Amino acid sequence: MFSFLKKNKPEPAAAPAAEAAETPEAPKLSWRERLFKGLAKTRAQWGGKLKSIFSRGKVDDELLEELETLLLTSDCGIEATTHLLDELKKAAKRDKLDTPEAIQKALADALLETLGPLEQPLDINTHKPYVIMIAGVNGAGKTTSIGKLAKYFQTQGKSVLLAAGDTFRAAAREQLQTWGERNNVTVIAQESGDPAAVIYDAISAAKARGIDIVLADTAGRLPTQLHLMEEIAKVRRVIQKIEPEGPHETLLVLDANIGQNALAQVKAFDKAINVTGLVLTKLDGTAKGGVVTAIARQCPKPIRFIGVGEQIDDLRPFVARDFVDAMFE
């Protein structure tokens, strides 16, 4: 039996006046500041080594070899690394680069040009309800990302409904219900049964209630689990029965810690469900931020959102310029 769950947030307990006066709340960091903080591990790997590599002030074979090693160890991948080195060599010949600062700027410009096409903000105003199907492997941060996306869309003035389509794992359903309570949004769930039926029912409810966005969770699965990949393809087909143009967005959640393995996941899920955008999570916990460059060169799907922390507002749209600045500064 379906359950329609909507719980109001409990009122937080008031802190004693004296205690509040003694512990003033720390100033809230801007998103750009949080992004810079979140990419600290990748930047630490790049920053110090880049300074050493570029210190000779000329683009020669030794510099290119050291830079190649650095890019590869940051999970940029062979194709992206070759592209960036080629662009740097062209810039060195064209602009006669002869200072560390000029060489670093040329590399940053090449990286920005590579990542720019991935910056494609999600347009959620084309349909109502706008149905977003979320997929990914176990442990990628899928359910947590749904909770954060709900919060983000609410800050954009949109109403949201969550569909607990992961019917295999009770903990996933409970986790989604917790996020629903935190965001004060409805969660439609079923204790067991067909995930496609849950999502179908959620879209029906959203249409009846005039909800702007449906975020549909699906069970985590590995690309090698062919029967589960077929099942998620079925979920997509069922969505199209009630919403012929849906899902309007199919997001694949990727854990940045897996580095180059992200490419195989994108290709496998894209084959099964036609991935239209990516959510890259846990960038704050890895030095493999270069995988974004590998994605840009080998499977260029738009990166709709990136996550750099555990707080509810630590998932935001990908902005190429901010990302590149955070990698170098």
Protein backbone atom coordinates (compact mmCIF):
# COMPACT_ATOMS: atom_id res chain seq x y z
CA MET A 1 0.00 0.00 0.00
CA PHE A 2 1.31 3.42 -0.88
CA SER A 3 1.98 5.89 1.87
CA PHE A 4 1.86 9.63 1.39
CA LEU A 5 4.21 11.12 3.90
CA LYS A 6 4.37 14.78 4.76
CA LYS A 7 5.72 15.83 8.06
CA ASN A 8 6.33 19.31 9.27
CA LYS A 9 9.70 20.20 10.62
CA PRO A 10 9.83 20.16 14.40
CA GLU A 11 10.39 23.54 15.95
CA PRO A 12 13.98 23.78 17.14
CA ALA A 13 14.43 24.14 20.86
CA ALA A 14 15.28 27.69 21.90
CA ALA A 15 18.81 28.08 23.19
CA PRO A 16 19.36 29.83 26.52
CA ALA A 17 19.98 33.55 25.97
CA ALA A 18 23.27 33.51 27.86
CA GLU A 19 24.59 30.56 25.88
CA ALA A 20 23.55 32.15 22.58
CA ALA A 21 25.38 35.32 23.53
CA GLU A 22 28.56 33.40 24.36
CA THR A 23 28.62 31.35 21.16
CA PRO A 24 27.86 33.62 18.21
CA GLU A 25 27.14 31.82 14.97
CA ALA A 26 30.09 31.71 12.59
CA PRO A 27 29.63 33.72 9.41
CA LYS A 28 28.23 31.55 6.62
CA LEU A 29 30.62 30.91 3.74
CA SER A 30 29.51 31.78 0.23
CA TRP A 31 29.17 28.97 -2.31
CA ARG A 32 32.39 30.07 -4.03
CA GLU A 33 34.24 29.96 -0.69
CA ARG A 34 32.84 26.50 0.04
CA LEU A 35 33.85 25.33 -3.43
CA PHE A 36 37.43 26.54 -2.88
CA LYS A 37 37.47 24.80 0.50
CA GLY A 38 35.95 21.64 -0.96
CA LEU A 39 38.56 21.34 -3.72
CA ALA A 40 41.43 21.81 -1.27
CA LYS A 41 42.74 18.25 -1.67
CA THR A 42 42.90 18.44 -5.44
CA ARG A 43 44.34 21.95 -5.30
CA ALA A 44 46.96 20.86 -2.76
CA GLN A 45 48.12 18.19 -5.17
CA TRP A 46 48.12 20.58 -8.11
CA GLY A 47 49.14 23.85 -6.51
CA GLY A 48 52.51 23.10 -4.96
CA LYS A 49 53.62 20.84 -7.79
CA LEU A 50 52.52 23.28 -10.48
CA LYS A 51 54.54 26.03 -8.86
CA SER A 52 57.60 23.81 -8.95
CA ILE A 53 56.94 22.59 -12.49
CA PHE A 54 56.40 26.08 -13.88
CA SER A 55 59.28 27.67 -11.96
CA ARG A 56 61.72 27.22 -14.85
CA GLY A 57 59.64 29.71 -16.84
CA LYS A 58 59.69 27.88 -20.16
CA VAL A 59 57.62 25.16 -21.78
CA ASP A 60 60.17 22.48 -22.58
CA ASP A 61 60.16 18.67 -22.72
CA GLU A 62 60.97 18.36 -19.02
CA LEU A 63 58.08 20.62 -18.00
CA LEU A 64 55.66 18.77 -20.26
CA GLU A 65 56.73 15.40 -18.89
CA GLU A 66 56.29 16.49 -15.27
CA LEU A 67 52.95 18.12 -16.05
CA GLU A 68 51.76 14.97 -17.82
CA THR A 69 52.51 12.91 -14.71
CA LEU A 70 50.66 15.36 -12.49
CA LEU A 71 47.56 15.45 -14.72
CA LEU A 72 47.42 11.68 -15.00
CA THR A 73 47.73 11.17 -11.24
CA SER A 74 44.84 13.63 -10.80
CA ASP A 75 42.67 11.34 -12.95
CA CYS A 76 42.47 13.65 -15.95
CA GLY A 77 42.91 10.62 -18.19
CA ILE A 78 45.18 10.17 -21.19
CA GLU A 79 42.94 11.89 -23.74
CA ALA A 80 42.33 15.02 -21.65
CA THR A 81 45.98 15.17 -20.57
CA THR A 82 47.17 15.00 -24.18
CA HIS A 83 44.69 17.70 -25.17
CA LEU A 84 45.77 20.06 -22.37
CA LEU A 85 49.46 19.56 -23.13
CA ASP A 86 48.87 20.21 -26.83
CA GLU A 87 46.99 23.41 -26.03
CA LEU A 88 49.79 24.53 -23.71
CA LYS A 89 52.40 23.90 -26.39
CA LYS A 90 50.37 25.92 -28.91
CA ALA A 91 50.03 28.80 -26.46
CA ALA A 92 53.75 28.71 -25.67
CA LYS A 93 54.63 28.96 -29.35
CA ARG A 94 51.99 31.59 -30.12
CA ASP A 95 52.41 33.82 -27.06
CA LYS A 96 56.06 33.11 -26.21
CA LEU A 97 55.32 32.18 -22.61
CA ASP A 98 58.35 32.90 -20.44
CA THR A 99 57.11 33.27 -16.86
CA PRO A 100 55.57 30.78 -14.40
CA GLU A 101 52.48 32.99 -14.15
CA ALA A 102 51.95 33.08 -17.92
CA ILE A 103 52.36 29.31 -18.23
CA GLN A 104 49.88 28.65 -15.43
CA LYS A 105 47.36 31.07 -16.95
CA ALA A 106 47.69 29.30 -20.32
CA LEU A 107 46.98 25.93 -18.68
CA ALA A 108 44.01 27.39 -16.75
CA ASP A 109 42.62 28.87 -19.97
CA ALA A 110 42.93 25.50 -21.73
CA LEU A 111 41.18 23.78 -18.82
CA LEU A 112 38.37 26.36 -18.85
CA GLU A 113 37.86 25.91 -22.58
CA THR A 114 37.69 22.14 -22.06
CA LEU A 115 35.20 22.29 -19.19
CA GLY A 116 33.05 25.13 -20.51
CA PRO A 117 30.72 22.91 -22.59
CA LEU A 118 29.82 20.90 -19.46
CA GLU A 119 28.29 23.99 -17.86
CA GLN A 120 24.66 23.68 -18.90
CA PRO A 121 22.27 24.76 -16.14
CA LEU A 122 19.13 22.68 -15.80
CA ASP A 123 15.98 24.39 -17.13
CA ILE A 124 13.15 23.14 -14.94
CA ASN A 125 10.49 25.47 -16.34
CA THR A 126 9.70 23.55 -19.52
CA HIS A 127 7.22 21.09 -17.96
CA LYS A 128 5.01 20.81 -14.89
CA PRO A 129 5.64 18.56 -13.17
CA TYR A 130 9.27 18.42 -14.28
CA VAL A 131 10.24 14.79 -13.73
CA ILE A 132 13.85 14.10 -12.77
CA MET A 133 14.93 10.46 -12.57
CA ILE A 134 18.05 9.84 -10.47
CA ALA A 135 20.30 6.80 -10.93
CA GLY A 136 23.69 5.61 -9.73
CA VAL A 137 25.63 2.82 -8.09
CA ASN A 138 25.35 2.01 -4.39
CA GLY A 139 27.31 4.43 -2.26
CA ALA A 140 27.55 7.25 -4.79
CA GLY A 141 25.46 9.56 -2.61
CA LYS A 142 22.28 9.27 -4.67
CA THR A 143 19.64 9.52 -1.96
CA THR A 144 21.52 12.26 -0.14
CA SER A 145 21.83 14.19 -3.39
CA ILE A 146 18.06 13.96 -3.86
CA GLY A 147 17.53 15.57 -0.47
CA LYS A 148 19.95 18.36 -1.33
CA LEU A 149 18.38 18.87 -4.75
CA ALA A 150 14.97 19.20 -3.10
CA LYS A 151 16.35 21.95 -0.90
CA TYR A 152 18.02 23.69 -3.84
CA PHE A 153 14.85 23.71 -5.93
CA GLN A 154 12.86 25.01 -2.99
CA THR A 155 15.23 27.96 -2.76
CA GLN A 156 14.33 28.60 -6.42
CA GLY A 157 10.69 28.91 -5.37
CA LYS A 158 9.62 25.49 -6.68
CA SER A 159 7.42 22.89 -4.99
CA VAL A 160 8.92 19.41 -4.85
CA LEU A 161 7.68 15.85 -4.41
CA LEU A 162 9.97 12.88 -3.73
CA ALA A 163 9.36 9.37 -5.08
CA ALA A 164 11.02 6.57 -3.09
CA GLY A 165 11.69 4.32 -6.07
CA ASP A 166 14.40 2.34 -4.26
CA THR A 167 12.05 -0.36 -2.97
CA PHE A 168 14.82 -2.91 -2.39
CA ARG A 169 16.54 -1.17 0.47
CA ALA A 170 14.38 -0.15 3.43
CA ALA A 171 17.17 2.14 4.66
CA ALA A 172 17.01 4.10 1.41
CA ARG A 173 13.28 4.68 1.81
CA GLU A 174 13.73 5.76 5.41
CA GLN A 175 16.62 8.02 4.47
CA LEU A 176 14.49 9.70 1.80
CA GLN A 177 11.65 10.14 4.26
CA THR A 178 14.07 11.84 6.65
CA TRP A 179 15.12 14.24 3.88
CA GLY A 180 11.43 14.85 3.18
CA GLU A 181 10.90 15.84 6.79
CA ARG A 182 13.94 18.13 6.75
CA ASN A 183 12.69 19.89 3.63
CA ASN A 184 9.01 19.67 4.56
CA VAL A 185 8.09 17.98 1.27
CA THR A 186 5.89 14.99 0.46
CA VAL A 187 7.49 11.58 0.01
CA ILE A 188 5.55 8.87 -1.80
CA ALA A 189 6.78 5.42 -0.84
CA GLN A 190 5.86 1.76 -0.80
CA GLU A 191 7.18 -0.82 1.63
CA SER A 192 7.87 -3.30 -1.15
CA GLY A 193 7.00 -3.92 -4.75
CA ASP A 194 7.60 -2.42 -8.14
CA PRO A 195 9.72 0.77 -8.21
CA ALA A 196 8.15 1.80 -11.51
CA ALA A 197 4.71 1.71 -9.86
CA VAL A 198 5.88 3.97 -7.03
CA ILE A 199 7.23 6.54 -9.46
CA TYR A 200 4.12 6.33 -11.65
CA ASP A 201 1.99 7.01 -8.58
CA ALA A 202 4.22 9.92 -7.55
CA ILE A 203 3.86 11.61 -10.93
CA SER A 204 0.07 11.14 -10.75
CA ALA A 205 0.05 12.78 -7.32
CA ALA A 206 2.23 15.65 -8.54
CA LYS A 207 -0.13 16.31 -11.45
CA ALA A 208 -3.14 16.32 -9.11
CA ARG A 209 -1.48 18.68 -6.63
CA GLY A 210 0.17 21.06 -9.07
CA ILE A 211 3.69 20.18 -7.92
CA ASP A 212 6.56 21.71 -9.93
CA ILE A 213 9.22 18.98 -9.64
CA VAL A 214 9.24 15.23 -9.04
CA LEU A 215 12.57 13.76 -7.89
CA ALA A 216 12.43 10.02 -8.50
CA ASP A 217 14.92 7.84 -6.63
CA THR A 218 15.93 4.45 -8.05
CA ALA A 219 17.76 1.54 -6.48
CA GLY A 220 21.53 1.59 -6.67
CA ARG A 221 22.99 -0.90 -9.12
CA LEU A 222 26.24 -1.79 -10.85
CA PRO A 223 26.42 -1.49 -14.64
CA THR A 224 27.39 -5.19 -14.74
CA GLN A 225 24.07 -6.22 -13.15
CA LEU A 226 22.25 -6.54 -16.46
CA HIS A 227 18.89 -7.55 -14.99
CA LEU A 228 18.90 -4.45 -12.78
CA MET A 229 19.94 -2.25 -15.69
CA GLU A 230 16.95 -3.62 -17.62
CA GLU A 231 14.73 -2.88 -14.63
CA ILE A 232 15.78 0.77 -14.55
CA ALA A 233 15.12 0.96 -18.28
CA LYS A 234 11.61 -0.30 -17.47
CA VAL A 235 11.17 2.51 -14.93
CA ARG A 236 11.92 4.97 -17.72
CA ARG A 237 9.36 3.34 -20.02
CA VAL A 238 6.68 3.42 -17.31
CA ILE A 239 7.32 7.12 -16.67
CA GLN A 240 6.68 7.76 -20.36
CA LYS A 241 3.24 6.14 -20.09
CA ILE A 242 2.04 8.88 -17.77
CA GLU A 243 4.39 11.64 -19.00
CA PRO A 244 5.18 10.99 -22.69
CA GLU A 245 8.09 13.43 -22.77
CA GLY A 246 9.46 12.26 -19.43
CA PRO A 247 11.65 11.84 -17.65
CA HIS A 248 12.59 15.38 -18.53
CA GLU A 249 16.01 14.88 -16.97
CA THR A 250 17.88 11.68 -16.15
CA LEU A 251 20.66 12.40 -13.68
CA LEU A 252 23.50 10.00 -12.96
CA VAL A 253 25.12 10.51 -9.56
CA LEU A 254 28.88 9.86 -9.56
CA ASP A 255 31.25 9.64 -6.61
CA ALA A 256 34.33 11.72 -7.48
CA ASN A 257 36.52 9.34 -5.47
CA ILE A 258 36.22 6.61 -8.12
CA GLY A 259 38.19 8.64 -10.65
CA GLN A 260 38.44 7.04 -14.08
CA ASN A 261 35.81 4.40 -13.20
CA ALA A 262 33.27 7.22 -13.53
CA LEU A 263 33.66 7.06 -17.31
CA ALA A 264 32.56 3.41 -17.48
CA GLN A 265 29.54 4.20 -15.30
CA VAL A 266 28.46 7.09 -17.52
CA LYS A 267 28.68 4.96 -20.66
CA ALA A 268 26.82 1.98 -19.15
CA PHE A 269 23.97 3.98 -17.63
CA ASP A 270 23.68 6.15 -20.73
CA LYS A 271 23.16 3.02 -22.84
CA ALA A 272 20.38 1.82 -20.51
CA ILE A 273 18.51 5.02 -19.67
CA ASN A 274 19.86 7.86 -21.83
CA VAL A 275 21.65 9.95 -19.19
CA THR A 276 21.11 13.67 -19.77
CA GLY A 277 23.14 15.12 -16.91
CA LEU A 278 25.57 14.31 -14.11
CA VAL A 279 25.79 15.03 -10.40
CA LEU A 280 29.38 14.77 -9.16
CA THR A 281 29.51 14.24 -5.40
CA LYS A 282 32.20 14.11 -2.69
CA LEU A 283 34.69 16.37 -4.46
CA ASP A 284 35.75 17.55 -1.00
CA GLY A 285 37.00 14.07 -0.10
CA THR A 286 39.28 13.41 -3.05
CA ALA A 287 42.36 14.65 -4.90
CA LYS A 288 40.87 13.27 -8.14
CA GLY A 289 39.09 16.44 -9.23
CA GLY A 290 40.75 16.02 -12.61
CA VAL A 291 38.13 13.40 -13.50
CA VAL A 292 35.91 16.32 -14.56
CA THR A 293 38.36 16.92 -17.41
CA ALA A 294 38.27 13.26 -18.40
CA ILE A 295 34.48 13.40 -18.55
CA ALA A 296 34.66 16.49 -20.75
CA ARG A 297 36.89 14.75 -23.31
CA GLN A 298 35.59 11.17 -23.26
CA CYS A 299 31.88 11.28 -22.39
CA PRO A 300 30.83 14.94 -22.36
CA LYS A 301 27.56 14.89 -20.49
CA PRO A 302 26.50 18.16 -18.83
CA ILE A 303 27.52 18.36 -15.18
CA ARG A 304 24.37 19.78 -13.68
CA PHE A 305 25.49 19.83 -10.04
CA ILE A 306 28.60 19.25 -7.94
CA GLY A 307 28.83 18.47 -4.24
CA VAL A 308 31.62 19.65 -1.96
CA GLY A 309 30.37 18.88 1.54
CA GLU A 310 27.83 17.22 3.78
CA GLN A 311 25.60 20.20 4.52
CA ILE A 312 22.20 20.44 2.88
CA ASP A 313 23.24 23.40 0.71
CA ASP A 314 26.60 21.95 -0.38
CA LEU A 315 25.25 20.83 -3.76
CA ARG A 316 25.08 23.54 -6.41
CA PRO A 317 25.13 23.98 -10.20
CA PHE A 318 28.49 23.44 -11.90
CA VAL A 319 30.19 26.67 -13.00
CA ALA A 320 33.32 26.04 -15.06
CA ARG A 321 35.07 29.33 -14.22
CA ASP A 322 34.61 28.86 -10.47
CA PHE A 323 35.81 25.27 -10.71
CA VAL A 324 38.98 26.20 -12.60
CA ASP A 325 39.71 29.09 -10.24
CA ALA A 326 39.34 26.74 -7.28
CA MET A 327 41.78 24.29 -8.85
CA PHE A 328 44.53 26.87 -9.29
CA GLU A 329 44.20 29.65 -6.72
